Amino acid sequence: MGRIFISFVALFIVVGGVLVYQATCGTSSLVLQPSELISKAHARDLLRVRIGGRVVDPVEYRTEPSMMLSFRVKDPAGDESSVPVVYMGLKPDMFAAGRDVLIDGDFIGGTLRAAKLQTQCPSKYEPAVPGAAPHQQQQ
């Protein structure tokens, strides 16, 4: 009786561990910067990628005949190379050039076709700049 119980407990732990591993591997993803995406792609398409970057001008948004937002993203600091992005959907409220965004989509033909677009809000809790007036501290 004791050996059978211990075998069932061990089997339960192993099966539970495998299920947790598969669940987290399927939903977790690495966030690439635009320069990393460009270096990984090398003339091939990448499906299901996630990148984080800063929106740069020009930004084009149209609503007719269908909603389409097109823009470029670059690394937040450093590299100036950028990736073109096309998003078919409603423009997020906080979306603007200079904002950081997270994009999930497919990198096809040198363009990231976004399925999901998230705008990161600027932090209101940044430390005060010494000697600056309060209205100059917000961006």
Protein backbone atom coordinates (compact mmCIF):
# COMPACT_ATOMS: atom_id res chain seq x y z
CA MET A 1 0.00 0.00 0.00
CA GLY A 2 2.81 2.44 0.88
CA ARG A 3 4.72 1.87 -2.38
CA ILE A 4 1.61 2.35 -4.51
CA PHE A 5 0.75 5.62 -2.70
CA ILE A 6 4.30 6.95 -3.13
CA SER A 7 4.24 5.96 -6.83
CA PHE A 8 0.96 7.85 -7.36
CA VAL A 9 2.31 10.93 -5.58
CA ALA A 10 5.50 10.87 -7.66
CA LEU A 11 3.50 10.41 -10.87
CA PHE A 12 1.19 13.29 -9.89
CA ILE A 13 4.18 15.59 -9.26
CA VAL A 14 5.84 14.68 -12.59
CA VAL A 15 2.64 15.12 -14.63
CA GLY A 16 1.89 18.42 -12.84
CA GLY A 17 5.40 19.69 -13.55
CA VAL A 18 5.15 18.80 -17.23
CA LEU A 19 1.77 20.56 -17.52
CA VAL A 20 3.06 23.73 -15.82
CA TYR A 21 6.15 23.75 -18.05
CA GLN A 22 4.08 23.43 -21.23
CA ALA A 23 1.63 26.11 -20.12
CA THR A 24 4.36 28.65 -19.39
CA CYS A 25 6.42 27.89 -22.51
CA GLY A 26 3.39 28.37 -24.73
CA THR A 27 2.50 31.79 -23.33
CA SER A 28 5.85 33.34 -22.51
CA SER A 29 7.80 35.20 -25.13
CA LEU A 30 11.02 37.12 -25.39
CA VAL A 31 10.69 40.84 -26.10
CA LEU A 32 13.12 41.85 -28.84
CA GLN A 33 14.30 45.33 -29.70
CA PRO A 34 13.96 46.42 -33.35
CA SER A 35 17.71 46.06 -33.98
CA GLU A 36 17.60 42.49 -32.62
CA LEU A 37 14.63 41.67 -34.84
CA ILE A 38 16.46 42.95 -37.93
CA SER A 39 19.57 40.90 -37.10
CA LYS A 40 17.54 37.72 -36.44
CA ALA A 41 15.38 38.01 -39.56
CA HIS A 42 18.12 38.14 -42.27
CA ALA A 43 15.79 37.85 -45.28
CA ARG A 44 13.41 35.37 -43.70
CA ASP A 45 9.99 35.76 -42.16
CA LEU A 46 9.44 35.34 -38.42
CA LEU A 47 6.05 34.43 -37.03
CA ARG A 48 4.80 35.29 -33.55
CA VAL A 49 7.38 37.83 -32.44
CA ARG A 50 7.15 40.47 -29.72
CA ILE A 51 9.14 43.66 -29.91
CA GLY A 52 9.43 46.68 -27.69
CA GLY A 53 10.50 50.00 -29.12
CA ARG A 54 9.92 53.72 -29.45
CA VAL A 55 7.56 55.13 -32.09
CA VAL A 56 9.21 57.52 -34.55
CA ASP A 57 7.68 59.94 -37.07
CA PRO A 58 5.97 59.76 -39.49
CA VAL A 59 2.82 58.13 -38.09
CA GLU A 60 -0.04 57.54 -40.52
CA TYR A 61 -3.55 56.67 -39.33
CA ARG A 62 -6.51 56.22 -41.60
CA THR A 63 -10.04 55.07 -40.93
CA GLU A 64 -11.39 54.65 -44.48
CA PRO A 65 -11.89 52.17 -46.14
CA SER A 66 -10.56 50.30 -43.09
CA MET A 67 -8.62 51.29 -39.97
CA MET A 68 -4.87 51.14 -40.51
CA LEU A 69 -2.04 52.54 -38.42
CA SER A 70 1.44 52.56 -39.93
CA PHE A 71 4.61 53.78 -38.26
CA ARG A 72 8.19 52.81 -37.48
CA VAL A 73 9.77 51.73 -34.18
CA LYS A 74 13.40 52.01 -33.11
CA ASP A 75 15.39 50.92 -30.08
CA PRO A 76 14.56 53.13 -27.07
CA ALA A 77 18.24 53.93 -26.57
CA GLY A 78 21.13 53.61 -28.93
CA ASP A 79 20.68 52.02 -32.34
CA GLU A 80 18.85 54.19 -34.89
CA SER A 81 17.72 51.34 -37.15
CA SER A 82 13.94 51.08 -37.29
CA VAL A 83 11.29 48.56 -38.27
CA PRO A 84 8.13 49.45 -40.21
CA VAL A 85 4.89 48.39 -38.49
CA VAL A 86 1.36 48.04 -39.85
CA TYR A 87 -1.55 47.61 -37.42
CA MET A 88 -5.08 47.05 -38.65
CA GLY A 89 -7.24 48.36 -35.84
CA LEU A 90 -8.14 51.24 -33.60
CA LYS A 91 -5.29 53.56 -32.61
CA PRO A 92 -4.65 53.34 -28.83
CA ASP A 93 -5.47 56.55 -26.90
CA MET A 94 -1.93 57.17 -25.65
CA PHE A 95 -0.28 56.35 -28.99
CA ALA A 96 2.07 59.05 -30.33
CA ALA A 97 5.56 59.51 -31.72
CA GLY A 98 8.12 59.25 -28.92
CA ARG A 99 6.06 56.74 -26.91
CA ASP A 100 7.28 53.26 -26.06
CA VAL A 101 5.15 50.40 -27.38
CA LEU A 102 4.94 46.60 -27.17
CA ILE A 103 3.93 44.87 -30.38
CA ASP A 104 2.96 41.25 -31.02
CA GLY A 105 2.81 40.16 -34.63
CA ASP A 106 4.42 38.53 -37.63
CA PHE A 107 7.55 39.89 -39.34
CA ILE A 108 6.83 39.31 -43.02
CA GLY A 109 8.66 40.87 -45.95
CA GLY A 110 10.56 43.31 -43.74
CA THR A 111 7.38 44.71 -42.11
CA LEU A 112 5.96 43.82 -38.72
CA ARG A 113 2.26 43.07 -39.15
CA ALA A 114 0.95 43.78 -35.67
CA ALA A 115 -1.81 41.67 -34.19
CA LYS A 116 -1.63 43.41 -30.80
CA LEU A 117 -0.38 46.90 -29.96
CA GLN A 118 0.14 48.20 -26.42
CA THR A 119 1.22 51.71 -25.54
CA GLN A 120 3.26 52.13 -22.39
CA CYS A 121 2.20 55.08 -20.27
CA PRO A 122 4.87 57.53 -19.16
CA SER A 123 5.73 57.20 -15.50
CA LYS A 124 4.31 59.89 -13.26
CA TYR A 125 6.61 58.78 -10.47
CA GLU A 126 9.93 59.75 -11.99
CA PRO A 127 12.28 61.56 -9.63
CA ALA A 128 12.13 65.36 -9.72
CA VAL A 129 14.77 67.17 -11.73
CA PRO A 130 16.69 69.49 -9.38
CA GLY A 131 16.06 73.17 -10.15
CA ALA A 132 13.29 72.51 -12.71
CA ALA A 133 9.83 74.01 -12.34
CA PRO A 134 7.08 71.40 -11.70
CA HIS A 135 5.44 71.99 -15.09
CA GLN A 136 8.76 71.29 -16.88
CA GLN A 137 9.23 67.87 -15.30
CA GLN A 138 6.43 66.15 -17.17
CA GLN A 139 7.04 65.15 -20.76
